[in-house]
N, C-alpha and C. Protein backbone atom coordinates (compact mmCIF):
# COMPACT_ATOMS: atom_id res chain seq x y z
N UNK A 1 103.85 107.07 96.53
CA UNK A 1 104.28 108.28 95.86
C UNK A 1 104.69 107.92 94.43
N UNK A 2 104.30 108.73 93.49
CA UNK A 2 104.65 108.52 92.09
C UNK A 2 106.12 108.85 91.87
N UNK A 3 106.70 108.20 90.88
CA UNK A 3 108.09 108.45 90.51
C UNK A 3 108.16 108.61 89.00
N UNK A 4 108.83 109.67 88.57
CA UNK A 4 108.99 109.98 87.15
C UNK A 4 110.47 109.98 86.82
N UNK A 5 110.81 109.61 85.59
CA UNK A 5 112.21 109.57 85.20
C UNK A 5 112.44 110.17 83.83
N UNK A 6 113.70 110.49 83.58
CA UNK A 6 114.15 110.95 82.27
C UNK A 6 115.66 110.91 82.24
N UNK A 7 116.24 111.08 81.07
CA UNK A 7 117.69 111.12 80.92
C UNK A 7 118.07 112.51 80.44
N UNK A 8 119.01 113.14 81.13
CA UNK A 8 119.59 114.40 80.65
C UNK A 8 120.61 114.01 79.59
N UNK A 9 120.16 114.03 78.36
CA UNK A 9 120.95 113.47 77.27
C UNK A 9 122.33 114.10 77.08
N UNK A 10 122.54 115.38 77.29
CA UNK A 10 123.90 115.92 77.16
C UNK A 10 124.89 115.34 78.18
N UNK A 11 124.37 114.81 79.28
CA UNK A 11 125.22 114.23 80.31
C UNK A 11 125.53 112.75 80.06
N UNK A 12 124.82 112.11 79.15
CA UNK A 12 124.97 110.68 78.88
C UNK A 12 126.27 110.42 78.11
N UNK A 13 127.02 109.39 78.55
CA UNK A 13 128.25 109.00 77.86
C UNK A 13 128.07 107.70 77.07
N UNK A 14 126.85 107.23 76.94
CA UNK A 14 126.52 106.04 76.16
C UNK A 14 127.28 104.81 76.63
N UNK A 15 127.37 104.62 77.93
CA UNK A 15 128.11 103.48 78.48
C UNK A 15 127.32 102.18 78.39
N UNK A 16 126.00 102.25 78.27
CA UNK A 16 125.17 101.06 78.14
C UNK A 16 124.67 100.47 79.44
N UNK A 17 125.08 101.03 80.56
CA UNK A 17 124.74 100.46 81.85
C UNK A 17 123.24 100.53 82.14
N UNK A 18 122.60 101.64 81.84
CA UNK A 18 121.17 101.77 82.16
C UNK A 18 120.33 100.74 81.40
N UNK A 19 120.65 100.52 80.14
CA UNK A 19 119.87 99.54 79.38
C UNK A 19 120.16 98.12 79.85
N UNK A 20 121.38 97.87 80.26
CA UNK A 20 121.72 96.55 80.78
C UNK A 20 120.95 96.27 82.08
N UNK A 21 120.82 97.28 82.93
CA UNK A 21 120.16 97.11 84.22
C UNK A 21 118.64 97.19 84.13
N UNK A 22 118.13 97.98 83.19
CA UNK A 22 116.68 98.18 83.07
C UNK A 22 116.30 98.27 81.59
N UNK A 23 116.38 97.17 80.85
CA UNK A 23 116.14 97.21 79.41
C UNK A 23 114.73 97.62 79.01
N UNK A 24 113.76 97.44 79.87
CA UNK A 24 112.40 97.86 79.55
C UNK A 24 112.24 99.38 79.67
N UNK A 25 113.18 100.03 80.33
CA UNK A 25 113.05 101.46 80.60
C UNK A 25 113.97 102.36 79.78
N UNK A 26 115.09 101.82 79.31
CA UNK A 26 116.06 102.66 78.62
C UNK A 26 116.44 102.06 77.28
N UNK A 27 116.64 102.95 76.31
CA UNK A 27 117.10 102.55 74.98
C UNK A 27 118.03 103.65 74.48
N UNK A 28 118.54 103.46 73.27
CA UNK A 28 119.51 104.40 72.71
C UNK A 28 119.06 104.86 71.33
N UNK A 29 119.37 106.11 71.02
CA UNK A 29 119.07 106.63 69.69
C UNK A 29 120.19 106.22 68.74
N UNK A 30 120.14 106.70 67.49
CA UNK A 30 121.14 106.31 66.50
C UNK A 30 122.55 106.78 66.86
N UNK A 31 122.65 107.83 67.67
CA UNK A 31 123.96 108.33 68.10
C UNK A 31 124.47 107.59 69.33
N UNK A 32 123.65 106.69 69.87
CA UNK A 32 124.06 105.92 71.04
C UNK A 32 123.77 106.59 72.37
N UNK A 33 122.99 107.65 72.35
CA UNK A 33 122.65 108.37 73.58
C UNK A 33 121.36 107.80 74.15
N UNK A 34 121.36 107.58 75.46
CA UNK A 34 120.22 106.95 76.12
C UNK A 34 119.01 107.88 76.19
N UNK A 35 117.85 107.26 76.22
CA UNK A 35 116.60 107.97 76.52
C UNK A 35 115.70 107.04 77.32
N UNK A 36 114.75 107.65 78.02
CA UNK A 36 113.80 106.93 78.85
C UNK A 36 112.63 106.49 77.98
N UNK A 37 112.45 105.19 77.79
CA UNK A 37 111.50 104.64 76.83
C UNK A 37 110.02 104.86 77.15
N UNK A 38 109.56 104.70 78.39
CA UNK A 38 108.11 104.72 78.62
C UNK A 38 107.39 105.95 78.08
N UNK A 39 108.04 107.11 78.11
CA UNK A 39 107.36 108.31 77.62
C UNK A 39 108.24 109.11 76.65
N UNK A 40 109.15 108.41 75.99
CA UNK A 40 110.06 109.03 75.01
C UNK A 40 110.86 110.18 75.63
N UNK A 41 111.25 109.99 76.89
CA UNK A 41 112.14 110.89 77.63
C UNK A 41 111.49 112.22 78.01
N UNK A 42 110.17 112.27 78.08
CA UNK A 42 109.51 113.51 78.50
C UNK A 42 109.38 113.63 80.01
N UNK A 43 109.48 112.51 80.72
CA UNK A 43 109.34 112.54 82.18
C UNK A 43 107.93 112.83 82.64
N UNK A 44 106.95 112.35 81.87
CA UNK A 44 105.55 112.64 82.18
C UNK A 44 104.73 111.41 82.57
N UNK A 45 105.31 110.22 82.47
CA UNK A 45 104.59 108.99 82.81
C UNK A 45 105.20 108.37 84.06
N UNK A 46 104.37 108.15 85.08
CA UNK A 46 104.89 107.60 86.32
C UNK A 46 105.21 106.11 86.16
N UNK A 47 106.13 105.64 86.98
CA UNK A 47 106.57 104.25 86.96
C UNK A 47 105.64 103.37 87.78
N UNK A 48 105.47 102.11 87.35
CA UNK A 48 104.75 101.15 88.18
C UNK A 48 105.73 100.56 89.19
N UNK A 49 105.24 99.75 90.11
CA UNK A 49 106.08 99.23 91.20
C UNK A 49 107.29 98.45 90.70
N UNK A 50 107.11 97.53 89.77
CA UNK A 50 108.24 96.74 89.27
C UNK A 50 109.24 97.62 88.55
N UNK A 51 108.76 98.54 87.73
CA UNK A 51 109.66 99.43 87.00
C UNK A 51 110.43 100.34 87.95
N UNK A 52 109.83 100.69 89.07
CA UNK A 52 110.51 101.55 90.05
C UNK A 52 111.76 100.87 90.58
N UNK A 53 111.70 99.59 90.83
CA UNK A 53 112.86 98.85 91.32
C UNK A 53 113.99 98.90 90.29
N UNK A 54 113.67 98.59 89.04
CA UNK A 54 114.67 98.61 87.98
C UNK A 54 115.20 100.02 87.74
N UNK A 55 114.31 101.00 87.76
CA UNK A 55 114.72 102.39 87.56
C UNK A 55 115.70 102.84 88.63
N UNK A 56 115.39 102.56 89.88
CA UNK A 56 116.28 102.99 90.97
C UNK A 56 117.67 102.39 90.85
N UNK A 57 117.76 101.15 90.41
CA UNK A 57 119.06 100.52 90.22
C UNK A 57 119.87 101.26 89.14
N UNK A 58 119.24 101.51 88.00
CA UNK A 58 119.92 102.24 86.93
C UNK A 58 120.27 103.66 87.37
N UNK A 59 119.36 104.31 88.07
CA UNK A 59 119.59 105.68 88.57
C UNK A 59 120.81 105.72 89.49
N UNK A 60 120.90 104.78 90.39
CA UNK A 60 122.00 104.77 91.36
C UNK A 60 123.34 104.45 90.71
N UNK A 61 123.32 103.70 89.64
CA UNK A 61 124.59 103.26 89.03
C UNK A 61 125.04 104.09 87.84
N UNK A 62 124.25 105.03 87.38
CA UNK A 62 124.64 105.86 86.23
C UNK A 62 125.92 106.63 86.58
N UNK A 63 127.01 106.42 85.84
CA UNK A 63 128.28 107.04 86.21
C UNK A 63 128.31 108.56 86.07
N UNK A 64 127.45 109.12 85.23
CA UNK A 64 127.44 110.58 85.05
C UNK A 64 126.23 111.24 85.70
N UNK A 65 125.38 110.44 86.33
CA UNK A 65 124.14 110.94 86.96
C UNK A 65 123.23 111.61 85.93
N UNK A 66 123.25 111.08 84.71
CA UNK A 66 122.39 111.61 83.65
C UNK A 66 120.94 111.21 83.84
N UNK A 67 120.69 110.13 84.57
CA UNK A 67 119.32 109.70 84.84
C UNK A 67 118.78 110.54 85.99
N UNK A 68 117.65 111.18 85.74
CA UNK A 68 117.03 112.06 86.73
C UNK A 68 115.72 111.45 87.19
N UNK A 69 115.33 111.76 88.41
CA UNK A 69 114.05 111.29 88.95
C UNK A 69 113.35 112.45 89.64
N UNK A 70 112.04 112.33 89.75
CA UNK A 70 111.23 113.36 90.38
C UNK A 70 109.95 112.73 90.92
N UNK A 71 109.35 113.37 91.90
CA UNK A 71 108.07 112.89 92.41
C UNK A 71 106.89 113.58 91.72
N UNK A 72 107.18 114.37 90.71
CA UNK A 72 106.14 115.00 89.90
C UNK A 72 106.60 114.99 88.45
N UNK A 73 105.69 115.10 87.49
CA UNK A 73 106.10 115.10 86.08
C UNK A 73 107.10 116.23 85.82
N UNK A 74 108.04 115.99 84.94
CA UNK A 74 109.06 116.99 84.65
C UNK A 74 108.50 118.22 83.96
N UNK A 75 107.33 118.12 83.36
CA UNK A 75 106.73 119.29 82.72
C UNK A 75 105.83 120.06 83.67
N UNK A 76 105.67 119.58 84.89
CA UNK A 76 104.82 120.26 85.89
C UNK A 76 105.70 121.06 86.84
N UNK A 77 105.27 122.23 87.17
CA UNK A 77 106.01 123.05 88.12
C UNK A 77 105.47 122.76 89.51
N UNK A 78 106.33 122.36 90.43
CA UNK A 78 105.85 122.11 91.79
C UNK A 78 105.43 123.41 92.46
N UNK A 79 104.44 123.32 93.33
CA UNK A 79 103.96 124.49 94.05
C UNK A 79 104.74 124.66 95.34
N UNK A 80 104.93 125.90 95.72
CA UNK A 80 105.59 126.18 96.99
C UNK A 80 104.58 125.95 98.11
N UNK A 81 105.02 126.09 99.34
CA UNK A 81 104.13 125.89 100.48
C UNK A 81 103.00 126.92 100.51
N UNK A 82 103.18 128.04 99.86
CA UNK A 82 102.12 129.05 99.84
C UNK A 82 101.09 128.76 98.76
N UNK A 83 101.36 127.75 97.93
CA UNK A 83 100.42 127.41 96.87
C UNK A 83 100.65 128.17 95.59
N UNK A 84 101.68 128.99 95.53
CA UNK A 84 101.99 129.73 94.31
C UNK A 84 103.13 129.04 93.58
N UNK A 85 103.09 129.11 92.28
CA UNK A 85 104.14 128.47 91.47
C UNK A 85 105.44 129.22 91.58
């Protein structure tokens, strides 16, 4: 199953934990707020197997739960069981 990530930037407190745990996946802007590096925080690029391990660790340890995950791209609307959006 694919996994997508992003940071809800208003929820980020710039603690530095996500970058310490997954430096290939997270970085900070000039204000010190985290963003998801692989797709510039759009949540549209799925993680590879190694990145998934690092991502899950940062996701679980984020003190404000600003790191979000999904099994579909964040710009895609999931379909209901009836097949309608």
